[in-house]
Amino acid sequence: MNNSEGTLARIDEIARDVLGFAEPRPAQQEAAAALASGRDCLAVLPSGAGKSAIYQIAAIALGGPAIVVSPLLALQRDQADALRERGLVAVTVNALSGRTARDDADALLRSGRPGFIFLGPEQLARDDVRASLTRGPVRLFAVDEAHCIASWGHDFRPDYLRLGAVIDAFPARPAVAALTATAAPPVRQEIIGRLRLRDPRQVIRDFDRPEIHLSVRAFHRADDKEQAVLANVRDQAGTGLVYTATRKEAEAYAALLGVLPYHGGLARAERVRAQRAFERGATVVATSAFGMGIDRPDVRFVVHASVPGSLDEYYQEIGRAGRDGQAAGAICCYRAEDLGMHRYFASALPDERDLAAVAGAADRPVGRRELAARTGMPPLRLAELLNLLEAVGAVRLRRQVEPADDPPDPAEAAARAAELARHHRSVERSRVEMMRRYAEMTDCRRRFLLRYFGEAVSEACRHCDNCDAGLSRPSVPTGTFSPGERVEHREWGPGLVLAAEGDRLTVLFDEYGYRELATQVVSRKHLLTPA
């Protein structure tokens, strides 16, 4: 038996005898085997595909402590409980943990024994936590919900930005696992870059969820849309999720439907109450703050009361339906005006003078409250500017705001941060436009959605509202460029062709995001050339 066969046999044995699986799925086996051999891995698998099993199997095979970074306290708790039920060592260290949990984690690291330490990303801002991680031979560093590190991702979290530096600080670098359910091509590239993955094995499985029927219902009047949302929820068999754009909407629809709301502005006890009700089978009305890491298989529908700001967000939210493989529905109630809020947030840019003022005021370690008083910035505005300044290497965000090692001068830091913000806004505007195209199109929705995520699909799905109505058209190649081909635009630079048919090209540009181009104009003006 060669090394590869031996590793696969060991993976199967751990899955069966330690974790209780009949056998790992092929994607789980492939990713876990790469990690068990010491190689980094980026695993992009659909919701419900068992991503947590990948790092669990790999960590046991590697035979030492594993660090698991997860943004959700409830998910940390559930996964740690499940591992302990299997007789494994698992410790959670987060904002709610006491001194005992930190001591247990430290003891596990010093011992070098197999076990799991679950951390919230914000914990890695603590000097004592980062120092403790270097005290033992960490064998695996797993980043769950890895799209949170990417500015292209729909759920960007600044706390994730320090993970690359944390990984590099280990005396003996562990294997690194990056796991997510939603990662369009630019998100994958940014995950690899920001986590500094080394020649990662990329395990990317089919994004298609054919059991979910896709439909969009368009309205001109707000009250017509509201009545349709209520009717669509009441008409569905089983229970599900209703997503809204704002906290106010979530509470209003929850009251009208007689169910619980969930959003980030509620007290923790109220959020836990809604989470528990959902786990017991109730429908919940929520903002996008709800759902990451949920593990309920029988969600029969997802209704969007307002259109999301991107297809990335939309895909992850509808992916919470039908995890048992049974028929489910995704209904998006759409008004063009609803995109106005997303366009607004995608157009606002920070003032360079404000960025320079914050960079200059952070010339020594300073608390955020004091920094807000020095600069006159409201807390939320200050947080946005600090995130940009940290991303360009001007400050470090720990318990206090600290100047980075050899930072640029305030004016240069402000210029770099403003340019980064412009890039982010360009990307966001393009994503809003792709969401609009999806909502207003009269062609196969699933084909468009899968192409957005980089899958070359030619056939119509016959399981969306446009296919049901006979509107979807056969795919006709443009005869110029092909999906998957790298191209160069005279103004927008390098990009990747996602779709090429009829009179239209869809290209994902590295710096400017998603663009749709008329093939006739591209040919006449020679806008694109093969890269």
Protein backbone atom coordinates (compact mmCIF):
# COMPACT_ATOMS: atom_id res chain seq x y z
CA MET A 1 0.00 0.00 0.00
CA ASN A 2 1.50 3.37 -1.02
CA ASN A 3 1.36 6.53 1.11
CA SER A 4 -1.71 7.90 -0.67
CA GLU A 5 -3.66 4.67 -0.22
CA GLY A 6 -2.55 4.49 3.41
CA THR A 7 -3.75 8.04 4.08
CA LEU A 8 -7.14 7.34 2.51
CA ALA A 9 -7.51 4.15 4.52
CA ARG A 10 -6.69 6.08 7.71
CA ILE A 11 -9.22 8.79 6.78
CA ASP A 12 -11.94 6.18 6.29
CA GLU A 13 -11.03 4.47 9.58
CA ILE A 14 -11.23 7.73 11.58
CA ALA A 15 -14.53 8.70 9.97
CA ARG A 16 -16.03 5.30 10.78
CA ASP A 17 -14.53 4.36 14.14
CA VAL A 18 -14.02 7.75 15.81
CA LEU A 19 -16.69 10.03 14.34
CA GLY A 20 -19.34 7.41 13.54
CA PHE A 21 -19.76 8.02 9.79
CA ALA A 22 -20.59 5.09 7.55
CA GLU A 23 -18.02 6.52 5.16
CA PRO A 24 -16.81 10.03 4.28
CA ARG A 25 -18.14 11.68 1.14
CA PRO A 26 -15.63 11.94 -1.72
CA ALA A 27 -15.09 15.68 -1.17
CA GLN A 28 -14.59 15.19 2.57
CA GLN A 29 -12.13 12.38 1.90
CA GLU A 30 -10.16 14.39 -0.67
CA ALA A 31 -9.86 17.49 1.52
CA ALA A 32 -9.10 15.62 4.75
CA ALA A 33 -6.44 13.52 3.01
CA ALA A 34 -4.70 16.65 1.71
CA LEU A 35 -4.63 18.17 5.19
CA ALA A 36 -3.55 14.90 6.82
CA SER A 37 -0.53 14.87 4.52
CA GLY A 38 0.38 18.39 5.73
CA ARG A 39 -0.91 20.30 2.70
CA ASP A 40 -3.11 23.43 2.94
CA CYS A 41 -6.63 23.07 1.58
CA LEU A 42 -9.44 25.38 0.45
CA ALA A 43 -12.75 23.48 0.54
CA VAL A 44 -15.77 25.14 -1.08
CA LEU A 45 -18.74 22.85 -0.58
CA PRO A 46 -22.50 23.46 -0.65
CA SER A 47 -24.37 24.08 2.59
CA GLY A 48 -25.00 20.80 4.40
CA ALA A 49 -22.09 18.98 2.72
CA GLY A 50 -20.28 18.30 6.02
CA LYS A 51 -17.40 20.77 6.00
CA SER A 52 -16.75 20.41 9.75
CA ALA A 53 -16.00 16.70 9.29
CA ILE A 54 -13.03 17.67 7.10
CA TYR A 55 -11.06 19.41 9.84
CA GLN A 56 -12.21 16.89 12.47
CA ILE A 57 -10.90 13.89 10.51
CA ALA A 58 -7.69 15.68 9.49
CA ALA A 59 -6.89 16.84 13.02
CA ILE A 60 -7.27 13.32 14.43
CA ALA A 61 -5.09 11.93 11.63
CA LEU A 62 -2.40 14.54 12.32
CA GLY A 63 -2.37 13.58 16.00
CA GLY A 64 -2.03 16.94 17.72
CA PRO A 65 -3.95 20.04 18.81
CA ALA A 66 -6.14 21.78 16.25
CA ILE A 67 -7.26 25.42 16.31
CA VAL A 68 -10.70 26.07 14.80
CA VAL A 69 -11.65 29.71 14.13
CA SER A 70 -15.41 30.16 13.87
CA PRO A 71 -17.45 33.40 14.02
CA LEU A 72 -20.49 31.88 15.74
CA LEU A 73 -20.56 31.10 19.45
CA ALA A 74 -23.56 28.77 19.10
CA LEU A 75 -21.81 26.79 16.36
CA GLN A 76 -18.63 26.56 18.44
CA ARG A 77 -20.66 25.20 21.35
CA ASP A 78 -22.57 22.65 19.28
CA GLN A 79 -19.48 21.30 17.53
CA ALA A 80 -17.48 21.10 20.76
CA ASP A 81 -20.35 19.26 22.49
CA ALA A 82 -20.59 16.77 19.61
CA LEU A 83 -16.84 16.06 19.76
CA ARG A 84 -16.92 15.56 23.53
CA GLU A 85 -19.78 13.09 23.11
CA ARG A 86 -17.37 11.08 20.95
CA GLY A 87 -14.81 11.06 23.74
CA LEU A 88 -12.60 13.75 22.19
CA VAL A 89 -11.10 16.80 23.88
CA ALA A 90 -12.76 20.09 22.81
CA VAL A 91 -12.48 23.53 24.43
CA THR A 92 -14.22 26.77 23.45
CA VAL A 93 -12.50 30.10 24.10
CA ASN A 94 -14.62 33.15 23.34
CA ALA A 95 -16.05 36.28 24.92
CA LEU A 96 -18.28 34.18 27.20
CA SER A 97 -15.57 31.75 28.33
CA GLY A 98 -14.13 31.89 31.80
CA ARG A 99 -10.60 31.46 33.07
CA THR A 100 -11.03 27.68 33.32
CA ALA A 101 -11.56 27.36 29.55
CA ARG A 102 -8.41 29.37 28.86
CA ASP A 103 -6.42 27.20 31.27
CA ASP A 104 -7.78 24.03 29.63
CA ALA A 105 -6.81 25.32 26.19
CA ASP A 106 -3.34 26.23 27.40
CA ALA A 107 -2.88 22.79 28.96
CA LEU A 108 -3.94 21.06 25.73
CA LEU A 109 -1.48 23.12 23.71
CA ARG A 110 1.38 22.40 26.10
CA SER A 111 0.63 18.66 26.12
CA GLY A 112 0.65 18.30 22.33
CA ARG A 113 -2.19 15.76 22.59
CA PRO A 114 -4.98 15.55 19.98
CA GLY A 115 -7.84 17.91 20.70
CA PHE A 116 -9.78 20.92 19.43
CA ILE A 117 -9.69 24.55 20.56
CA PHE A 118 -12.55 26.66 19.16
CA LEU A 119 -11.81 30.39 18.99
CA GLY A 120 -13.79 33.42 17.91
CA PRO A 121 -11.72 35.54 15.48
CA GLU A 122 -11.91 38.50 17.87
CA GLN A 123 -9.92 36.45 20.42
CA LEU A 124 -6.88 36.69 18.18
CA ALA A 125 -6.68 40.42 18.89
CA ARG A 126 -5.52 39.46 22.40
CA ASP A 127 -1.77 39.31 22.93
CA ASP A 128 -2.13 36.58 25.58
CA VAL A 129 -4.21 34.36 23.29
CA ARG A 130 -1.81 34.72 20.37
CA ALA A 131 1.15 34.01 22.65
CA SER A 132 -0.49 30.88 24.07
CA LEU A 133 -1.00 29.42 20.59
CA THR A 134 2.77 29.21 20.09
CA ARG A 135 3.37 27.14 23.25
CA GLY A 136 2.61 23.78 21.69
CA PRO A 137 2.83 21.90 18.40
CA VAL A 138 -0.42 22.99 16.71
CA ARG A 139 -0.92 20.57 13.82
CA LEU A 140 -3.97 22.07 12.11
CA PHE A 141 -5.41 25.59 11.84
CA ALA A 142 -8.97 25.54 10.48
CA VAL A 143 -10.85 28.68 9.39
CA ASP A 144 -14.59 28.11 9.19
CA GLU A 145 -16.78 30.49 7.14
CA ALA A 146 -13.56 31.55 5.40
CA HIS A 147 -15.38 33.92 3.02
CA CYS A 148 -15.53 36.34 5.98
CA ILE A 149 -11.89 37.23 5.29
CA ALA A 150 -12.62 38.44 1.75
CA SER A 151 -13.71 41.94 0.84
CA TRP A 152 -15.37 40.25 -2.15
CA GLY A 153 -17.35 38.07 0.25
CA HIS A 154 -20.80 39.17 1.37
CA ASP A 155 -20.04 38.86 5.08
CA PHE A 156 -16.62 40.54 5.45
CA ARG A 157 -15.38 40.64 9.05
CA PRO A 158 -12.27 42.68 9.90
CA ASP A 159 -11.34 40.33 12.77
CA TYR A 160 -10.44 37.74 10.13
CA LEU A 161 -7.73 39.97 8.65
CA ARG A 162 -5.18 39.06 11.31
CA LEU A 163 -5.41 35.29 10.66
CA GLY A 164 -2.63 35.21 8.06
CA ALA A 165 -0.17 36.81 10.50
CA VAL A 166 -1.28 34.44 13.28
CA ILE A 167 -0.62 31.42 11.05
CA ASP A 168 2.83 32.70 10.08
CA ALA A 169 3.76 33.22 13.76
CA PHE A 170 3.68 29.50 14.64
CA PRO A 171 7.20 28.14 15.23
CA ALA A 172 6.27 25.11 13.11
CA ARG A 173 3.60 26.10 10.59
CA PRO A 174 0.49 23.87 10.79
CA ALA A 175 -1.58 22.67 7.87
CA VAL A 176 -4.31 25.24 7.16
CA ALA A 177 -7.90 24.43 6.23
CA ALA A 178 -10.14 27.18 4.79
CA LEU A 179 -13.80 26.13 4.64
CA THR A 180 -16.80 27.91 3.16
CA ALA A 181 -20.08 27.26 1.40
CA THR A 182 -20.01 30.32 -0.83
CA ALA A 183 -17.00 31.45 -2.77
CA ALA A 184 -17.18 32.90 -6.26
CA PRO A 185 -13.79 32.98 -8.05
CA PRO A 186 -12.56 36.32 -6.61
CA VAL A 187 -13.48 35.22 -3.09
CA ARG A 188 -11.38 32.07 -3.50
CA GLN A 189 -8.40 34.09 -4.70
CA GLU A 190 -8.65 36.50 -1.77
CA ILE A 191 -9.01 33.70 0.81
CA ILE A 192 -5.83 32.08 -0.51
CA GLY A 193 -3.94 35.39 -0.48
CA ARG A 194 -5.09 36.72 2.89
CA LEU A 195 -4.55 33.39 4.71
CA ARG A 196 -1.22 32.98 2.87
CA LEU A 197 -2.08 29.42 1.90
CA ARG A 198 0.80 27.49 0.37
CA ASP A 199 0.00 25.54 -2.80
CA PRO A 200 -3.45 24.68 -1.42
CA ARG A 201 -5.47 21.73 -2.62
CA GLN A 202 -8.72 23.27 -3.85
CA VAL A 203 -11.72 21.01 -3.35
CA ILE A 204 -14.63 22.75 -5.05
CA ARG A 205 -17.84 20.82 -5.52
CA ASP A 206 -20.96 21.41 -7.55
CA PHE A 207 -22.81 24.56 -6.52
CA ASP A 208 -26.07 23.31 -7.98
CA ARG A 209 -28.90 22.56 -5.57
CA PRO A 210 -31.44 21.09 -8.00
CA GLU A 211 -33.93 20.30 -5.23
CA ILE A 212 -34.49 24.06 -4.70
CA HIS A 213 -36.99 25.62 -7.11
CA LEU A 214 -35.97 29.21 -7.93
CA SER A 215 -38.49 31.98 -8.54
CA VAL A 216 -38.72 35.77 -8.47
CA ARG A 217 -41.96 37.73 -8.16
CA ALA A 218 -41.77 41.36 -9.21
CA PHE A 219 -43.87 44.25 -7.88
CA HIS A 220 -44.19 47.99 -8.45
CA ARG A 221 -46.05 48.91 -5.25
CA ALA A 222 -44.62 48.31 -1.79
CA ASP A 223 -47.97 47.27 -0.28
CA ASP A 224 -48.55 44.72 -3.08
CA LYS A 225 -45.16 43.21 -2.32
CA GLU A 226 -45.89 43.07 1.40
CA GLN A 227 -49.16 41.22 0.84
CA ALA A 228 -47.42 38.82 -1.54
CA VAL A 229 -44.70 38.07 1.03
CA LEU A 230 -47.33 37.21 3.64
CA ALA A 231 -49.32 35.08 1.19
CA ASN A 232 -46.25 33.23 -0.06
CA VAL A 233 -45.17 32.34 3.48
CA ARG A 234 -48.66 31.24 4.51
CA ASP A 235 -49.13 29.18 1.35
CA GLN A 236 -45.93 27.16 1.79
CA ALA A 237 -46.02 23.64 3.12
CA GLY A 238 -43.77 23.15 6.14
CA THR A 239 -41.68 25.83 7.78
CA GLY A 240 -38.87 28.03 6.61
CA LEU A 241 -37.02 31.33 6.70
CA VAL A 242 -38.08 34.82 5.70
CA TYR A 243 -35.22 37.25 5.03
CA THR A 244 -35.61 41.01 5.22
CA ALA A 245 -33.27 43.90 4.42
CA THR A 246 -33.68 45.78 7.72
CA ARG A 247 -34.34 45.14 11.40
CA LYS A 248 -37.55 47.18 11.19
CA GLU A 249 -38.83 44.97 8.36
CA ALA A 250 -37.95 41.82 10.30
CA GLU A 251 -39.99 42.90 13.30
CA ALA A 252 -42.93 44.08 11.17
CA TYR A 253 -43.22 40.86 9.16
CA ALA A 254 -42.70 38.70 12.26
CA ALA A 255 -45.61 40.48 13.98
CA LEU A 256 -47.87 40.04 10.93
CA LEU A 257 -46.99 36.35 10.62
CA GLY A 258 -47.11 35.63 14.34
CA VAL A 259 -43.54 34.30 14.51
CA LEU A 260 -40.30 35.40 16.14
CA PRO A 261 -37.87 37.90 14.59
CA TYR A 262 -34.08 37.64 14.61
CA HIS A 263 -31.63 40.49 14.03
CA GLY A 264 -28.44 41.90 15.48
CA GLY A 265 -30.23 44.62 17.45
CA LEU A 266 -32.09 42.20 19.71
CA ALA A 267 -30.89 41.27 23.17
CA ARG A 268 -28.91 38.04 23.26
CA ALA A 269 -31.71 36.23 25.14
CA GLU A 270 -34.20 37.15 22.41
CA ARG A 271 -31.82 35.95 19.68
CA VAL A 272 -31.30 32.65 21.49
CA ARG A 273 -35.08 32.28 21.88
CA ALA A 274 -35.58 32.73 18.12
CA GLN A 275 -32.71 30.34 17.34
CA ARG A 276 -34.16 27.66 19.63
CA ALA A 277 -37.65 28.10 18.14
CA PHE A 278 -36.21 27.65 14.66
CA GLU A 279 -34.32 24.53 15.73
CA ARG A 280 -37.63 23.09 17.00
CA GLY A 281 -39.27 23.63 13.60
CA ALA A 282 -40.66 27.17 13.66
CA THR A 283 -40.45 29.71 10.85
CA VAL A 284 -38.31 32.76 11.69
CA VAL A 285 -38.17 36.22 10.08
CA ALA A 286 -34.61 37.50 10.07
CA THR A 287 -32.02 39.80 8.62
CA SER A 288 -28.85 38.34 7.10
CA ALA A 289 -27.45 38.12 10.66
CA PHE A 290 -29.26 34.78 11.02
CA GLY A 291 -28.39 31.44 9.55
CA MET A 292 -24.63 30.95 9.24
CA GLY A 293 -23.81 27.50 10.58
CA ILE A 294 -27.39 26.30 11.08
CA ASP A 295 -27.86 22.57 10.71
CA ARG A 296 -31.58 22.04 10.27
CA PRO A 297 -32.22 19.71 7.30
CA ASP A 298 -35.98 20.18 6.78
CA VAL A 299 -36.30 23.88 5.86
CA ARG A 300 -38.88 23.78 3.08
CA PHE A 301 -38.71 27.37 1.85
CA VAL A 302 -36.75 30.61 1.92
CA VAL A 303 -38.69 33.78 1.09
CA HIS A 304 -36.82 37.02 0.51
CA ALA A 305 -39.08 39.90 1.48
CA SER A 306 -36.51 42.22 -0.10
CA VAL A 307 -33.88 41.46 -2.68
CA PRO A 308 -30.39 40.86 -1.19
CA GLY A 309 -27.41 43.00 -2.21
CA SER A 310 -25.53 40.22 -4.00
CA LEU A 311 -25.91 36.76 -5.46
CA ASP A 312 -23.31 35.56 -2.94
CA GLU A 313 -25.62 36.47 -0.07
CA TYR A 314 -28.68 35.18 -1.93
CA TYR A 315 -27.07 31.82 -2.68
CA GLN A 316 -25.97 31.21 0.89
CA GLU A 317 -29.41 32.12 2.26
CA ILE A 318 -31.41 29.94 -0.13
CA GLY A 319 -28.89 27.15 0.51
CA ARG A 320 -30.37 26.76 3.99
CA ALA A 321 -33.42 25.11 2.41
CA GLY A 322 -33.72 21.48 1.38
CA ARG A 323 -30.61 20.13 3.08
CA ASP A 324 -32.38 16.78 3.39
CA GLY A 325 -32.42 16.56 -0.42
CA GLN A 326 -36.21 16.94 -0.58
CA ALA A 327 -38.04 19.56 -2.65
CA ALA A 328 -37.78 23.13 -1.38
CA GLY A 329 -38.57 26.58 -2.72
CA ALA A 330 -36.70 29.89 -2.96
CA ILE A 331 -38.99 32.86 -3.60
CA CYS A 332 -37.60 36.38 -3.99
CA CYS A 333 -40.13 39.23 -3.84
CA TYR A 334 -38.56 42.02 -5.85
CA ARG A 335 -39.05 45.75 -6.30
CA ALA A 336 -36.40 47.60 -8.28
CA GLU A 337 -36.56 50.38 -5.68
CA ASP A 338 -35.35 47.94 -3.00
CA LEU A 339 -31.92 47.92 -4.59
CA GLY A 340 -31.58 51.62 -3.81
CA MET A 341 -30.35 50.93 -0.28
CA HIS A 342 -27.69 48.51 -1.57
CA ARG A 343 -26.60 51.02 -4.24
CA TYR A 344 -26.34 53.72 -1.60
CA PHE A 345 -24.02 51.66 0.59
CA ALA A 346 -22.05 50.63 -2.48
CA SER A 347 -21.43 54.26 -3.47
CA ALA A 348 -20.42 55.98 -0.21
CA LEU A 349 -16.68 56.63 0.07
CA PRO A 350 -14.64 57.78 3.10
CA ASP A 351 -13.09 61.22 3.13
CA GLU A 352 -9.27 61.13 2.88
CA ARG A 353 -9.05 63.95 5.42
CA ASP A 354 -10.92 61.81 7.96
CA LEU A 355 -8.67 58.83 7.23
CA ALA A 356 -5.54 60.97 7.66
CA ALA A 357 -6.90 62.41 10.93
CA VAL A 358 -7.49 58.94 12.38
CA ALA A 359 -4.10 57.66 11.19
CA GLY A 360 -2.37 60.67 12.72
CA ALA A 361 -4.24 60.34 16.03
CA ALA A 362 -3.24 56.67 16.34
CA ASP A 363 0.47 57.51 16.67
CA ARG A 364 0.65 55.58 19.95
CA PRO A 365 -1.54 52.87 21.57
CA VAL A 366 -4.93 54.41 22.30
CA GLY A 367 -8.37 53.16 23.27
CA ARG A 368 -11.21 53.53 20.78
CA ARG A 369 -13.19 55.81 23.07
CA GLU A 370 -10.25 58.18 23.44
CA LEU A 371 -9.58 58.00 19.68
CA ALA A 372 -13.21 58.88 18.97
CA ALA A 373 -12.91 61.89 21.30
CA ARG A 374 -9.66 63.01 19.63
CA THR A 375 -11.06 62.83 16.11
CA GLY A 376 -14.71 63.66 16.75
CA MET A 377 -15.74 60.50 14.87
CA PRO A 378 -18.91 58.55 15.80
CA PRO A 379 -18.04 54.95 16.84
CA LEU A 380 -19.42 53.23 13.72
CA ARG A 381 -17.72 55.66 11.37
CA LEU A 382 -14.47 55.30 13.30
CA ALA A 383 -14.68 51.50 13.07
CA GLU A 384 -15.05 51.66 9.27
CA LEU A 385 -12.01 53.94 8.90
CA LEU A 386 -9.90 51.82 11.25
CA ASN A 387 -10.71 48.67 9.28
CA LEU A 388 -9.44 50.32 6.11
CA LEU A 389 -6.32 51.65 7.81
CA GLU A 390 -5.55 48.21 9.25
CA ALA A 391 -5.96 46.64 5.81
CA VAL A 392 -3.30 48.97 4.34
CA GLY A 393 -0.83 48.40 7.18
CA ALA A 394 -1.22 51.70 9.04
CA VAL A 395 -2.60 50.44 12.38
CA ARG A 396 -3.12 47.24 14.36
CA LEU A 397 -6.49 46.64 16.02
CA ARG A 398 -6.04 44.87 19.33
CA ARG A 399 -7.40 45.76 22.74
CA GLN A 400 -6.21 49.21 21.82
CA VAL A 401 -5.53 50.80 18.45
CA GLU A 402 -1.78 50.63 17.87
CA PRO A 403 0.44 52.03 15.11
CA ALA A 404 1.74 49.27 12.84
CA ASP A 405 5.46 48.55 12.56
CA ASP A 406 6.95 51.09 10.14
CA PRO A 407 3.56 52.57 9.14
CA PRO A 408 3.17 54.95 6.19
CA ASP A 409 2.73 58.60 7.09
CA PRO A 410 -0.91 59.67 7.67
CA ALA A 411 -1.36 61.22 4.22
CA GLU A 412 0.03 58.13 2.45
CA ALA A 413 -2.03 55.82 4.66
CA ALA A 414 -5.15 57.84 3.86
CA ALA A 415 -4.46 57.70 0.11
CA ARG A 416 -3.96 53.91 0.19
CA ALA A 417 -7.06 53.37 2.31
CA ALA A 418 -9.17 55.59 0.03
CA GLU A 419 -8.00 53.63 -3.03
CA LEU A 420 -8.88 50.36 -1.30
CA ALA A 421 -12.32 51.76 -0.46
CA ARG A 422 -12.85 52.74 -4.12
CA HIS A 423 -11.97 49.20 -5.17
CA HIS A 424 -14.41 47.77 -2.64
CA ARG A 425 -17.20 50.08 -3.83
CA SER A 426 -16.60 49.15 -7.46
CA VAL A 427 -16.91 45.50 -6.57
CA GLU A 428 -20.04 46.11 -4.52
CA ARG A 429 -21.72 48.08 -7.31
CA SER A 430 -21.02 45.29 -9.78
CA ARG A 431 -22.50 42.72 -7.40
CA VAL A 432 -25.66 44.78 -6.95
CA GLU A 433 -25.97 44.93 -10.74
CA MET A 434 -25.64 41.15 -11.03
CA MET A 435 -28.39 40.75 -8.45
CA ARG A 436 -30.61 43.08 -10.47
CA ARG A 437 -29.92 41.10 -13.65
CA TYR A 438 -30.87 37.86 -11.91
CA ALA A 439 -34.11 39.33 -10.55
CA GLU A 440 -35.21 40.88 -13.85
CA MET A 441 -34.06 38.24 -16.33
CA THR A 442 -36.38 36.17 -18.51
CA ASP A 443 -33.90 33.33 -19.04
CA CYS A 444 -32.94 30.33 -16.90
CA ARG A 445 -32.13 31.63 -13.42
CA ARG A 446 -30.14 28.61 -12.27
CA ARG A 447 -27.86 28.73 -15.31
CA PHE A 448 -27.12 32.42 -14.64
CA LEU A 449 -26.54 31.77 -10.93
CA LEU A 450 -24.13 28.89 -11.52
CA ARG A 451 -22.18 30.85 -14.11
CA TYR A 452 -21.79 33.64 -11.58
CA PHE A 453 -19.95 31.14 -9.39
CA GLY A 454 -17.72 30.10 -12.27
CA GLU A 455 -19.45 26.90 -13.40
CA ALA A 456 -19.70 26.44 -17.17
CA VAL A 457 -23.36 25.46 -17.63
CA SER A 458 -25.09 25.39 -21.00
CA GLU A 459 -28.42 23.65 -20.42
CA ALA A 460 -31.49 25.31 -18.91
CA CYS A 461 -32.48 23.81 -15.54
CA ARG A 462 -36.23 23.28 -16.14
CA HIS A 463 -36.72 23.95 -12.41
CA CYS A 464 -37.12 27.72 -12.11
CA ASP A 465 -40.04 30.03 -12.82
CA ASN A 466 -38.68 31.13 -16.21
CA CYS A 467 -38.17 27.54 -17.34
CA ASP A 468 -41.66 26.69 -16.06
CA ALA A 469 -43.07 29.49 -18.22
CA GLY A 470 -41.14 28.40 -21.32
CA LEU A 471 -39.09 31.60 -21.37
CA SER A 472 -35.59 30.12 -21.04
CA ARG A 473 -33.60 30.07 -24.26
CA PRO A 474 -31.03 27.58 -25.56
CA SER A 475 -27.44 28.57 -24.95
CA VAL A 476 -25.86 29.97 -28.13
CA PRO A 477 -22.08 30.57 -27.98
CA THR A 478 -20.90 34.02 -29.04
CA GLY A 479 -18.13 32.57 -31.19
CA THR A 480 -15.60 35.01 -29.70
CA PHE A 481 -14.61 34.04 -26.16
CA SER A 482 -15.41 30.97 -24.09
CA PRO A 483 -16.41 30.58 -20.40
CA GLY A 484 -13.31 30.07 -18.29
CA GLU A 485 -11.05 32.04 -20.66
CA ARG A 486 -8.78 34.76 -19.24
CA VAL A 487 -9.04 38.07 -21.08
CA GLU A 488 -7.63 41.60 -20.91
CA HIS A 489 -9.77 44.74 -21.24
CA ARG A 490 -8.20 48.00 -22.43
CA GLU A 491 -9.53 49.92 -19.43
CA TRP A 492 -10.51 47.35 -16.78
CA GLY A 493 -7.51 45.05 -17.06
CA PRO A 494 -7.50 41.25 -16.61
CA GLY A 495 -10.66 39.24 -16.13
CA LEU A 496 -12.34 35.86 -16.42
CA VAL A 497 -15.17 35.12 -18.89
CA LEU A 498 -18.08 33.60 -16.95
CA ALA A 499 -20.64 33.40 -19.74
CA ALA A 500 -20.50 33.94 -23.49
CA GLU A 501 -23.68 33.49 -25.48
CA GLY A 502 -25.82 35.31 -27.97
CA ASP A 503 -25.16 39.04 -27.88
CA ARG A 504 -23.72 39.20 -24.37
CA LEU A 505 -20.50 38.44 -22.48
CA THR A 506 -20.32 38.30 -18.69
CA VAL A 507 -16.79 38.95 -17.43
CA LEU A 508 -15.46 39.03 -13.88
CA PHE A 509 -12.65 41.60 -13.84
CA ASP A 510 -9.97 41.23 -11.17
CA GLU A 511 -10.16 44.86 -10.07
CA TYR A 512 -13.58 46.11 -11.17
CA GLY A 513 -15.93 43.20 -10.53
CA TYR A 514 -18.68 41.82 -12.74
CA ARG A 515 -19.49 43.44 -16.09
CA GLU A 516 -21.83 42.51 -18.91
CA LEU A 517 -20.60 43.49 -22.37
CA ALA A 518 -22.33 43.54 -25.74
CA THR A 519 -20.40 41.19 -28.02
CA GLN A 520 -20.97 43.45 -31.01
CA VAL A 521 -19.33 46.40 -29.21
CA VAL A 522 -16.48 44.19 -27.95
CA SER A 523 -15.74 43.01 -31.48
CA ARG A 524 -16.10 46.39 -33.18
CA LYS A 525 -13.92 48.27 -30.68
CA HIS A 526 -11.52 45.39 -29.94
CA LEU A 527 -12.10 45.86 -26.22
CA LEU A 528 -10.96 42.38 -25.17
CA THR A 529 -7.92 40.32 -26.04
CA PRO A 530 -6.92 36.85 -24.81
CA ALA A 531 -4.73 37.15 -21.71
